[in-house]
C-alpha atoms as a PDB file:
ATOM      1  CA  MET A   1       0.000   0.000   0.000  1.00  0.00           C
ATOM      2  CA  ILE A   2       2.805   2.387   0.894  1.00  0.00           C
ATOM      3  CA  ALA A   3       4.644   1.492  -2.305  1.00  0.00           C
ATOM      4  CA  LEU A   4       1.522   2.220  -4.367  1.00  0.00           C
ATOM      5  CA  ASN A   5       1.088   5.626  -2.721  1.00  0.00           C
ATOM      6  CA  GLN A   6       4.755   6.426  -3.309  1.00  0.00           C
ATOM      7  CA  GLN A   7       4.336   5.448  -6.952  1.00  0.00           C
ATOM      8  CA  LYS A   8       1.299   7.752  -7.262  1.00  0.00           C
ATOM      9  CA  ILE A   9       3.235  10.593  -5.654  1.00  0.00           C
ATOM     10  CA  GLY A  10       6.156   9.986  -8.032  1.00  0.00           C
ATOM     11  CA  ARG A  11       3.851  10.060 -11.065  1.00  0.00           C
ATOM     12  CA  SER A  12       2.123  13.196  -9.779  1.00  0.00           C
ATOM     13  CA  ASP A  13       5.487  14.901  -9.360  1.00  0.00           C
ATOM     14  CA  ALA A  14       6.497  13.844 -12.873  1.00  0.00           C
ATOM     15  CA  ALA A  15       3.204  15.168 -14.284  1.00  0.00           C
ATOM     16  CA  LEU A  16       3.609  18.493 -12.468  1.00  0.00           C
ATOM     17  CA  GLN A  17       7.177  18.771 -13.707  1.00  0.00           C
ATOM     18  CA  ALA A  18       6.073  17.991 -17.276  1.00  0.00           C
ATOM     19  CA  SER A  19       3.296  20.589 -17.088  1.00  0.00           C
ATOM     20  CA  SER A  20       5.778  23.168 -15.754  1.00  0.00           C
ATOM     21  CA  GLN A  21       8.145  22.401 -18.623  1.00  0.00           C
ATOM     22  CA  ALA A  22       5.304  22.732 -21.131  1.00  0.00           C
ATOM     23  CA  GLU A  23       4.226  26.022 -19.579  1.00  0.00           C
ATOM     24  CA  SER A  24       7.759  27.423 -19.750  1.00  0.00           C
ATOM     25  CA  GLU A  25       8.045  26.269 -23.366  1.00  0.00           C
ATOM     26  CA  PHE A  26       4.782  28.042 -24.195  1.00  0.00           C
ATOM     27  CA  ALA A  27       5.983  31.222 -22.499  1.00  0.00           C
ATOM     28  CA  SER A  28       9.364  31.129 -24.264  1.00  0.00           C
ATOM     29  CA  LEU A  29       7.741  31.395 -27.701  1.00  0.00           C
ATOM     30  CA  THR A  30       8.833  34.896 -28.663  1.00  0.00           C
ATOM     31  CA  GLY A  31       8.414  34.920 -32.414  1.00  0.00           C
ATOM     32  CA  GLY A  32      10.073  37.498 -34.592  1.00  0.00           C
ATOM     33  CA  TYR A  33       9.221  40.901 -36.004  1.00  0.00           C
ATOM     34  CA  ARG A  34       6.345  39.611 -38.153  1.00  0.00           C
ATOM     35  CA  THR A  35       4.860  37.037 -35.768  1.00  0.00           C
ATOM     36  CA  SER A  36       4.554  38.840 -32.446  1.00  0.00           C
ATOM     37  CA  ASP A  37       0.744  38.836 -32.715  1.00  0.00           C
ATOM     38  CA  ILE A  38       0.557  35.172 -33.716  1.00  0.00           C
ATOM     39  CA  SER A  39       2.928  34.047 -30.970  1.00  0.00           C
ATOM     40  CA  ALA A  40       0.972  35.938 -28.296  1.00  0.00           C
ATOM     41  CA  GLU A  41      -2.225  34.314 -29.569  1.00  0.00           C
ATOM     42  CA  ALA A  42      -0.660  30.826 -29.485  1.00  0.00           C
ATOM     43  CA  ILE A  43       0.736  31.357 -25.985  1.00  0.00           C
ATOM     44  CA  LYS A  44      -2.689  32.428 -24.748  1.00  0.00           C
ATOM     45  CA  ASP A  45      -4.412  29.420 -26.369  1.00  0.00           C
ATOM     46  CA  TYR A  46      -2.020  26.793 -25.038  1.00  0.00           C
ATOM     47  CA  THR A  47      -1.712  28.332 -21.594  1.00  0.00           C
ATOM     48  CA  GLY A  48      -5.513  28.173 -21.413  1.00  0.00           C
ATOM     49  CA  LYS A  49      -5.474  24.514 -22.494  1.00  0.00           C
ATOM     50  CA  LEU A  50      -2.875  23.747 -19.838  1.00  0.00           C
ATOM     51  CA  GLU A  51      -4.954  25.472 -17.151  1.00  0.00           C
ATOM     52  CA  GLN A  52      -7.999  23.452 -18.234  1.00  0.00           C
ATOM     53  CA  TRP A  53      -5.915  20.283 -18.008  1.00  0.00           C
ATOM     54  CA  GLN A  54      -4.764  21.181 -14.498  1.00  0.00           C
ATOM     55  CA  LYS A  55      -8.353  21.814 -13.380  1.00  0.00           C
ATOM     56  CA  ALA A  56      -9.678  18.643 -15.006  1.00  0.00           C
ATOM     57  CA  HIS A  57      -6.979  16.398 -13.542  1.00  0.00           C
ATOM     58  CA  ALA A  58      -6.280  18.141 -10.233  1.00  0.00           C
ATOM     59  CA  ASN A  59      -7.016  15.014  -8.211  1.00  0.00           C
ATOM     60  CA  ASP A  60      -5.522  12.409 -10.529  1.00  0.00           C
ATOM     61  CA  LEU A  61      -2.344  13.810 -12.054  1.00  0.00           C
ATOM     62  CA  TYR A  62      -0.793  10.362 -11.794  1.00  0.00           C
ATOM     63  CA  SER A  63      -3.415   8.726 -14.035  1.00  0.00           C
ATOM     64  CA  VAL A  64      -2.676   7.540 -17.551  1.00  0.00           C
ATOM     65  CA  PRO A  65      -5.455   9.707 -19.112  1.00  0.00           C
ATOM     66  CA  ALA A  66      -4.014  12.811 -17.435  1.00  0.00           C
ATOM     67  CA  LEU A  67      -0.536  12.140 -18.799  1.00  0.00           C
ATOM     68  CA  ARG A  68      -1.982  11.272 -22.215  1.00  0.00           C
ATOM     69  CA  ASP A  69      -3.903  14.577 -22.317  1.00  0.00           C
ATOM     70  CA  LEU A  70      -0.809  16.540 -21.301  1.00  0.00           C
ATOM     71  CA  THR A  71       1.227  14.827 -24.023  1.00  0.00           C
ATOM     72  CA  LYS A  72      -1.535  15.608 -26.520  1.00  0.00           C
ATOM     73  CA  ILE A  73      -1.502  19.316 -25.605  1.00  0.00           C
ATOM     74  CA  HIS A  74       2.278  19.440 -25.975  1.00  0.00           C
ATOM     75  CA  GLY A  75       2.107  17.647 -29.330  1.00  0.00           C
ATOM     76  CA  GLN A  76      -0.534  20.081 -30.581  1.00  0.00           C
ATOM     77  CA  PHE A  77       1.716  22.964 -29.552  1.00  0.00           C
ATOM     78  CA  GLN A  78       4.702  21.513 -31.406  1.00  0.00           C
ATOM     79  CA  SER A  79       2.712  20.956 -34.612  1.00  0.00           C
ATOM     80  CA  ASP A  80       0.722  24.209 -34.538  1.00  0.00           C
ATOM     81  CA  PRO A  81       1.453  26.239 -37.723  1.00  0.00           C
ATOM     82  CA  ARG A  82       1.462  29.473 -35.697  1.00  0.00           C
ATOM     83  CA  VAL A  83       4.189  28.109 -33.447  1.00  0.00           C
ATOM     84  CA  ARG A  84       6.264  26.891 -36.391  1.00  0.00           C
ATOM     85  CA  MET A  85       5.947  30.290 -38.116  1.00  0.00           C
ATOM     86  CA  ALA A  86       6.921  32.105 -34.916  1.00  0.00           C
ATOM     87  CA  LYS A  87      10.001  29.913 -34.483  1.00  0.00           C
ATOM     88  CA  GLN A  88      10.967  30.379 -38.147  1.00  0.00           C
ATOM     89  CA  ASP A  89      10.497  34.137 -37.839  1.00  0.00           C
ATOM     90  CA  ALA A  90      12.576  34.250 -34.664  1.00  0.00           C
ATOM     91  CA  GLN A  91      15.416  32.588 -36.598  1.00  0.00           C
ATOM     92  CA  GLU A  92      15.163  34.911 -39.604  1.00  0.00           C
ATOM     93  CA  SER A  93      14.542  38.226 -37.827  1.00  0.00           C
ATOM     94  CA  PRO A  94      18.267  38.836 -37.202  1.00  0.00           C
ATOM     95  CA  MET A  95      18.791  38.576 -40.975  1.00  0.00           C
ATOM     96  CA  TRP A  96      16.296  41.408 -41.527  1.00  0.00           C
ATOM     97  CA  LEU A  97      17.992  43.457 -38.816  1.00  0.00           C
ATOM     98  CA  GLU A  98      21.317  42.954 -40.580  1.00  0.00           C
ATOM     99  CA  MET A  99      19.797  44.055 -43.912  1.00  0.00           C
ATOM    100  CA  SER A 100      18.327  47.155 -42.300  1.00  0.00           C
ATOM    101  CA  MET A 101      21.733  48.192 -40.942  1.00  0.00           C
ATOM    102  CA  GLN A 102      23.344  48.311 -44.384  1.00  0.00           C
ATOM    103  CA  GLN A 103      24.212  51.606 -45.990  1.00  0.00           C
ATOM    104  CA  GLY A 104      21.478  52.900 -48.252  1.00  0.00           C
ATOM    105  CA  TYR A 105      18.634  51.244 -46.352  1.00  0.00           C
ATOM    106  CA  ASP A 106      15.454  53.293 -46.369  1.00  0.00           C
ATOM    107  CA  ARG A 107      12.333  52.309 -44.419  1.00  0.00           C
ATOM    108  CA  ARG A 108      10.208  53.753 -47.217  1.00  0.00           C
ATOM    109  CA  THR A 109      11.440  51.104 -49.650  1.00  0.00           C
ATOM    110  CA  ASP A 110      11.260  48.094 -47.328  1.00  0.00           C
ATOM    111  CA  PRO A 111       8.539  45.678 -48.529  1.00  0.00           C
ATOM    112  CA  ASN A 112       8.451  44.034 -45.071  1.00  0.00           C
ATOM    113  CA  LEU A 113       7.076  47.168 -43.426  1.00  0.00           C
ATOM    114  CA  ASP A 114       3.560  48.542 -43.533  1.00  0.00           C
ATOM    115  CA  ARG A 115       3.754  51.953 -45.202  1.00  0.00           C
ATOM    116  CA  GLU A 116       1.007  53.456 -43.046  1.00  0.00           C
ATOM    117  CA  THR A 117       2.260  52.394 -39.623  1.00  0.00           C
ATOM    118  CA  GLY A 118       5.969  51.916 -40.326  1.00  0.00           C
ATOM    119  CA  LYS A 119       5.848  48.615 -38.408  1.00  0.00           C
ATOM    120  CA  HIS A 120       6.456  45.119 -39.702  1.00  0.00           C
ATOM    121  CA  ARG A 121       3.570  43.518 -41.515  1.00  0.00           C
ATOM    122  CA  GLN A 122       2.165  40.877 -39.192  1.00  0.00           C
ATOM    123  CA  LEU A 123       1.490  37.416 -40.529  1.00  0.00           C
ATOM    124  CA  LYS A 124      -1.987  36.185 -39.760  1.00  0.00           C
ATOM    125  CA  THR A 125      -3.268  32.780 -38.727  1.00  0.00           C
ATOM    126  CA  GLY A 126      -3.660  30.599 -41.797  1.00  0.00           C
ATOM    127  CA  GLU A 127      -1.096  32.442 -43.932  1.00  0.00           C
ATOM    128  CA  GLN A 128       1.855  30.602 -45.397  1.00  0.00           C
ATOM    129  CA  TRP A 129       5.357  31.460 -44.227  1.00  0.00           C
ATOM    130  CA  THR A 130       7.252  33.729 -46.589  1.00  0.00           C
ATOM    131  CA  PRO A 131      10.861  34.761 -45.999  1.00  0.00           C
ATOM    132  CA  TYR A 132      11.796  38.383 -45.510  1.00  0.00           C
ATOM    133  CA  GLN A 133      12.032  40.261 -48.788  1.00  0.00           C
ATOM    134  CA  LYS A 134      15.121  42.265 -49.540  1.00  0.00           C
ATOM    135  CA  PRO A 135      14.622  46.016 -49.301  1.00  0.00           C
ATOM    136  CA  VAL A 136      15.405  48.271 -52.237  1.00  0.00           C
ATOM    137  CA  TYR A 137      18.645  50.083 -51.460  1.00  0.00           C
ATOM    138  CA  MET A 138      18.547  53.632 -52.693  1.00  0.00           C
ATOM    139  CA  GLY A 139      22.022  54.677 -51.663  1.00  0.00           C
ATOM    140  CA  ASP A 140      22.526  58.277 -52.751  1.00  0.00           C
ATOM    141  CA  MET A 141      19.529  58.186 -55.093  1.00  0.00           C
ATOM    142  CA  ASP A 142      17.832  61.069 -53.264  1.00  0.00           C
ATOM    143  CA  LYS A 143      20.817  63.362 -53.840  1.00  0.00           C
ATOM    144  CA  TYR A 144      21.036  62.247 -57.461  1.00  0.00           C
ATOM    145  CA  MET A 145      17.354  62.938 -58.116  1.00  0.00           C
ATOM    146  CA  GLN A 146      17.519  66.294 -56.342  1.00  0.00           C
ATOM    147  CA  GLY A 147      20.384  67.222 -58.622  1.00  0.00           C
ATOM    148  CA  ILE A 148      18.366  66.344 -61.720  1.00  0.00           C
ATOM    149  CA  TYR A 149      15.201  68.070 -60.552  1.00  0.00           C
ATOM    150  CA  GLY A 150      17.212  71.079 -59.412  1.00  0.00           C
ATOM    151  CA  GLN A 151      18.313  71.697 -63.014  1.00  0.00           C
ATOM    152  CA  LEU A 152      14.748  71.931 -64.303  1.00  0.00           C
ATOM    153  CA  GLU A 153      13.262  75.374 -64.568  1.00  0.00           C
ATOM    154  CA  PRO A 154       9.806  75.743 -63.122  1.00  0.00           C
ATOM    155  CA  ASP A 155       7.225  76.706 -65.746  1.00  0.00           C
ATOM    156  CA  ILE A 156       3.933  77.421 -64.085  1.00  0.00           C
ATOM    157  CA  GLY A 157       1.730  79.483 -66.343  1.00  0.00           C
ATOM    158  CA  MET A 158      -1.681  80.892 -65.661  1.00  0.00           C
ATOM    159  CA  GLU A 159      -3.071  80.548 -69.138  1.00  0.00           C
ATOM    160  CA  GLU A 160      -6.786  80.577 -69.798  1.00  0.00           C
ATOM    161  CA  ASN A 161      -8.716  77.521 -71.029  1.00  0.00           C
ATOM    162  CA  TRP A 162      -6.181  74.888 -70.083  1.00  0.00           C
ATOM    163  CA  GLU A 163      -7.221  71.325 -69.268  1.00  0.00           C
ATOM    164  CA  THR A 164      -5.650  68.606 -67.250  1.00  0.00           C
ATOM    165  CA  MET A 165      -4.864  65.234 -68.748  1.00  0.00           C
ATOM    166  CA  TYR A 166      -7.683  63.634 -66.747  1.00  0.00           C
ATOM    167  CA  ASN A 167     -11.041  65.272 -66.511  1.00  0.00           C
ATOM    168  CA  PRO A 168     -13.768  63.088 -64.969  1.00  0.00           C
ATOM    169  CA  ASN A 169     -16.483  65.169 -66.717  1.00  0.00           C
ATOM    170  CA  GLY A 170     -14.960  64.735 -70.149  1.00  0.00           C
ATOM    171  CA  PRO A 171     -13.606  67.487 -72.424  1.00  0.00           C
ATOM    172  CA  GLN A 172     -15.013  70.940 -71.843  1.00  0.00           C
END
């Protein structure tokens, strides 16, 4: 009888340790620049599943169904596409950071950034993983274009009866 109770206690300790490891693995999912929203969503989902597991099996952590359910939750986490994208993005984000540090980088020409917000475009649940796209390096293009446009003489006339190229009402 004592040996059976010790075995139950040992299994309960192992189950608690496994759930703690799973919880720390869930929390360590950081994602990268483009998957911060997805990774937060995945962490919330799997932390909730783990809490439900703890409530459902509070009195029988040592049981085979409890351990099976915990293993199932961990397996779902490992195979979740959001988790895989977040891990992939975490590996490739330093590459983007390196590209952005190069001379001639301009945030306005980076296809990875949202033009309105200036932040990285976030991947959404269900999207396929795409690697970071290389930004267009302008170098000294601004100075070059200013030099060309600076040589043009402005010709703004106030002539009567002039039309623009596009008139939504048709010719007048």
